[in-house]
């Protein structure tokens, strides 16, 4: 979890601390912006990520208030992840990143 009393003076650096990992951006933008997902759905969607790394990223985003986690007392356990209001507030940033990436690909092809 990011120590709020020791945030960098640069707001861009603060943002990068929260979502600078490529997996976090994919989880937030591509998967959770569309709504609540179960852990298994996220694991299938984010190709190339290990279960350990996915779990660590989700926990980090939960600790930083971007994602909420709900555990259902079932066998096997069912866990769902949803963006919080704070996580949803990143939509314009992530949409701009997607738009920029689309334009870049057009220019480079």
C-alpha atoms as a PDB file:
ATOM      1  CA  UNK A   1       0.000   0.000   0.000  1.00  0.00           C
ATOM      2  CA  UNK A   2       1.197   3.480  -0.807  1.00  0.00           C
ATOM      3  CA  UNK A   3       2.067   5.545   2.254  1.00  0.00           C
ATOM      4  CA  UNK A   4      -0.165   8.593   1.769  1.00  0.00           C
ATOM      5  CA  UNK A   5       2.013  10.716   4.040  1.00  0.00           C
ATOM      6  CA  UNK A   6       4.996  10.103   1.773  1.00  0.00           C
ATOM      7  CA  UNK A   7       3.558  10.609  -1.715  1.00  0.00           C
ATOM      8  CA  UNK A   8       5.881  12.030  -4.356  1.00  0.00           C
ATOM      9  CA  UNK A   9       5.496  15.744  -5.148  1.00  0.00           C
ATOM     10  CA  UNK A  10       4.774  14.944  -8.805  1.00  0.00           C
ATOM     11  CA  UNK A  11       1.141  13.888  -9.395  1.00  0.00           C
ATOM     12  CA  UNK A  12       2.135  11.894 -12.491  1.00  0.00           C
ATOM     13  CA  UNK A  13       4.528   9.852 -10.367  1.00  0.00           C
ATOM     14  CA  UNK A  14       1.723   9.227  -7.867  1.00  0.00           C
ATOM     15  CA  UNK A  15      -0.503   7.927 -10.672  1.00  0.00           C
ATOM     16  CA  UNK A  16       2.288   5.707 -11.972  1.00  0.00           C
ATOM     17  CA  UNK A  17       2.803   4.296  -8.495  1.00  0.00           C
ATOM     18  CA  UNK A  18      -0.835   3.181  -8.553  1.00  0.00           C
ATOM     19  CA  UNK A  19      -1.154   1.849 -12.103  1.00  0.00           C
ATOM     20  CA  UNK A  20       2.362   1.815 -13.556  1.00  0.00           C
ATOM     21  CA  UNK A  21       2.425  -1.949 -13.849  1.00  0.00           C
ATOM     22  CA  UNK A  22       1.219  -3.218 -17.234  1.00  0.00           C
ATOM     23  CA  UNK A  23      -0.946  -5.861 -15.575  1.00  0.00           C
ATOM     24  CA  UNK A  24      -2.798  -3.297 -13.458  1.00  0.00           C
ATOM     25  CA  UNK A  25      -3.709  -1.218 -16.490  1.00  0.00           C
ATOM     26  CA  UNK A  26      -5.012  -4.301 -18.318  1.00  0.00           C
ATOM     27  CA  UNK A  27      -6.988  -5.489 -15.295  1.00  0.00           C
ATOM     28  CA  UNK A  28      -8.496  -2.039 -14.757  1.00  0.00           C
ATOM     29  CA  UNK A  29      -9.162  -0.964 -18.333  1.00  0.00           C
ATOM     30  CA  UNK A  30      -9.966  -4.110 -20.201  1.00  0.00           C
ATOM     31  CA  UNK A  31     -11.551  -6.228 -17.532  1.00  0.00           C
ATOM     32  CA  UNK A  32     -12.995  -4.382 -14.568  1.00  0.00           C
ATOM     33  CA  UNK A  33     -14.273  -1.260 -16.363  1.00  0.00           C
ATOM     34  CA  UNK A  34     -16.866  -3.613 -17.847  1.00  0.00           C
ATOM     35  CA  UNK A  35     -18.113  -4.681 -14.433  1.00  0.00           C
ATOM     36  CA  UNK A  36     -17.512  -7.199 -11.670  1.00  0.00           C
ATOM     37  CA  UNK A  37     -15.367 -10.213 -12.512  1.00  0.00           C
ATOM     38  CA  UNK A  38     -14.476 -13.422 -10.722  1.00  0.00           C
ATOM     39  CA  UNK A  39     -10.829 -14.297 -10.179  1.00  0.00           C
ATOM     40  CA  UNK A  40     -10.963 -17.085 -12.763  1.00  0.00           C
ATOM     41  CA  UNK A  41     -12.377 -14.732 -15.396  1.00  0.00           C
ATOM     42  CA  UNK A  42      -9.533 -12.294 -14.782  1.00  0.00           C
ATOM     43  CA  UNK A  43      -6.957 -15.087 -14.945  1.00  0.00           C
ATOM     44  CA  UNK A  44      -8.277 -16.234 -18.337  1.00  0.00           C
ATOM     45  CA  UNK A  45      -8.515 -12.711 -19.729  1.00  0.00           C
ATOM     46  CA  UNK A  46      -5.051 -11.486 -18.752  1.00  0.00           C
ATOM     47  CA  UNK A  47      -2.967 -13.908 -20.788  1.00  0.00           C
ATOM     48  CA  UNK A  48       0.582 -14.457 -19.647  1.00  0.00           C
ATOM     49  CA  UNK A  49       0.032 -13.513 -16.008  1.00  0.00           C
ATOM     50  CA  UNK A  50       0.656 -16.055 -13.279  1.00  0.00           C
ATOM     51  CA  UNK A  51      -1.864 -16.635 -10.513  1.00  0.00           C
ATOM     52  CA  UNK A  52       0.657 -15.285  -7.992  1.00  0.00           C
ATOM     53  CA  UNK A  53       1.226 -12.037  -9.916  1.00  0.00           C
ATOM     54  CA  UNK A  54      -2.513 -11.540 -10.541  1.00  0.00           C
ATOM     55  CA  UNK A  55      -3.242 -12.034  -6.848  1.00  0.00           C
ATOM     56  CA  UNK A  56      -0.487  -9.595  -5.855  1.00  0.00           C
ATOM     57  CA  UNK A  57      -1.741  -6.936  -8.282  1.00  0.00           C
ATOM     58  CA  UNK A  58      -5.349  -7.305  -7.154  1.00  0.00           C
ATOM     59  CA  UNK A  59      -4.328  -7.098  -3.490  1.00  0.00           C
ATOM     60  CA  UNK A  60      -2.240  -3.996  -4.164  1.00  0.00           C
ATOM     61  CA  UNK A  61      -5.113  -2.295  -5.991  1.00  0.00           C
ATOM     62  CA  UNK A  62      -7.479  -3.283  -3.179  1.00  0.00           C
ATOM     63  CA  UNK A  63      -5.137  -1.824  -0.538  1.00  0.00           C
ATOM     64  CA  UNK A  64      -4.932   1.412  -2.534  1.00  0.00           C
ATOM     65  CA  UNK A  65      -8.708   1.708  -2.815  1.00  0.00           C
ATOM     66  CA  UNK A  66      -9.058   1.040  -6.558  1.00  0.00           C
ATOM     67  CA  UNK A  67     -10.693  -2.383  -6.348  1.00  0.00           C
ATOM     68  CA  UNK A  68     -13.040  -4.026  -3.877  1.00  0.00           C
ATOM     69  CA  UNK A  69     -12.978  -7.750  -3.193  1.00  0.00           C
ATOM     70  CA  UNK A  70     -15.968  -9.797  -2.107  1.00  0.00           C
ATOM     71  CA  UNK A  71     -15.597 -13.358  -0.870  1.00  0.00           C
ATOM     72  CA  UNK A  72     -18.611 -15.645  -0.905  1.00  0.00           C
ATOM     73  CA  UNK A  73     -18.640 -18.485   1.660  1.00  0.00           C
ATOM     74  CA  UNK A  74     -18.968 -21.333  -0.808  1.00  0.00           C
ATOM     75  CA  UNK A  75     -17.006 -24.451  -1.621  1.00  0.00           C
ATOM     76  CA  UNK A  76     -14.948 -23.825  -3.653  1.00  0.00           C
ATOM     77  CA  UNK A  77     -14.626 -20.183  -2.545  1.00  0.00           C
ATOM     78  CA  UNK A  78     -16.022 -17.604  -4.922  1.00  0.00           C
ATOM     79  CA  UNK A  79     -14.232 -14.246  -5.055  1.00  0.00           C
ATOM     80  CA  UNK A  80     -15.375 -11.254  -7.094  1.00  0.00           C
ATOM     81  CA  UNK A  81     -13.562  -8.020  -7.868  1.00  0.00           C
ATOM     82  CA  UNK A  82     -15.219  -4.702  -8.639  1.00  0.00           C
ATOM     83  CA  UNK A  83     -13.852  -1.233  -9.232  1.00  0.00           C
ATOM     84  CA  UNK A  84     -14.485   1.223  -6.436  1.00  0.00           C
ATOM     85  CA  UNK A  85     -15.617   4.767  -7.115  1.00  0.00           C
ATOM     86  CA  UNK A  86     -11.947   5.782  -6.978  1.00  0.00           C
ATOM     87  CA  UNK A  87     -11.048   3.062  -9.488  1.00  0.00           C
ATOM     88  CA  UNK A  88     -13.861   4.138 -11.791  1.00  0.00           C
ATOM     89  CA  UNK A  89     -12.558   7.703 -11.665  1.00  0.00           C
ATOM     90  CA  UNK A  90      -9.524   6.484 -13.651  1.00  0.00           C
ATOM     91  CA  UNK A  91     -11.701   5.736 -16.695  1.00  0.00           C
ATOM     92  CA  UNK A  92     -10.881   8.974 -18.567  1.00  0.00           C
ATOM     93  CA  UNK A  93      -7.152   8.393 -18.044  1.00  0.00           C
ATOM     94  CA  UNK A  94      -7.304   4.797 -19.233  1.00  0.00           C
ATOM     95  CA  UNK A  95      -9.584   5.688 -22.154  1.00  0.00           C
ATOM     96  CA  UNK A  96      -7.061   8.330 -23.246  1.00  0.00           C
ATOM     97  CA  UNK A  97      -4.273   5.747 -23.066  1.00  0.00           C
ATOM     98  CA  UNK A  98      -6.298   3.358 -25.236  1.00  0.00           C
ATOM     99  CA  UNK A  99      -7.077   6.107 -27.753  1.00  0.00           C
ATOM    100  CA  UNK A 100      -3.435   7.155 -27.927  1.00  0.00           C
ATOM    101  CA  UNK A 101      -2.334   3.545 -28.436  1.00  0.00           C
ATOM    102  CA  UNK A 102      -4.836   3.112 -31.270  1.00  0.00           C
ATOM    103  CA  UNK A 103      -3.591   6.249 -33.015  1.00  0.00           C
ATOM    104  CA  UNK A 104       0.037   5.224 -32.530  1.00  0.00           C
ATOM    105  CA  UNK A 105      -0.604   1.854 -34.137  1.00  0.00           C
ATOM    106  CA  UNK A 106      -2.267   3.562 -37.122  1.00  0.00           C
ATOM    107  CA  UNK A 107       0.712   5.883 -37.593  1.00  0.00           C
ATOM    108  CA  UNK A 108       3.273   3.094 -37.310  1.00  0.00           C
ATOM    109  CA  UNK A 109       1.629   0.626 -39.702  1.00  0.00           C
END
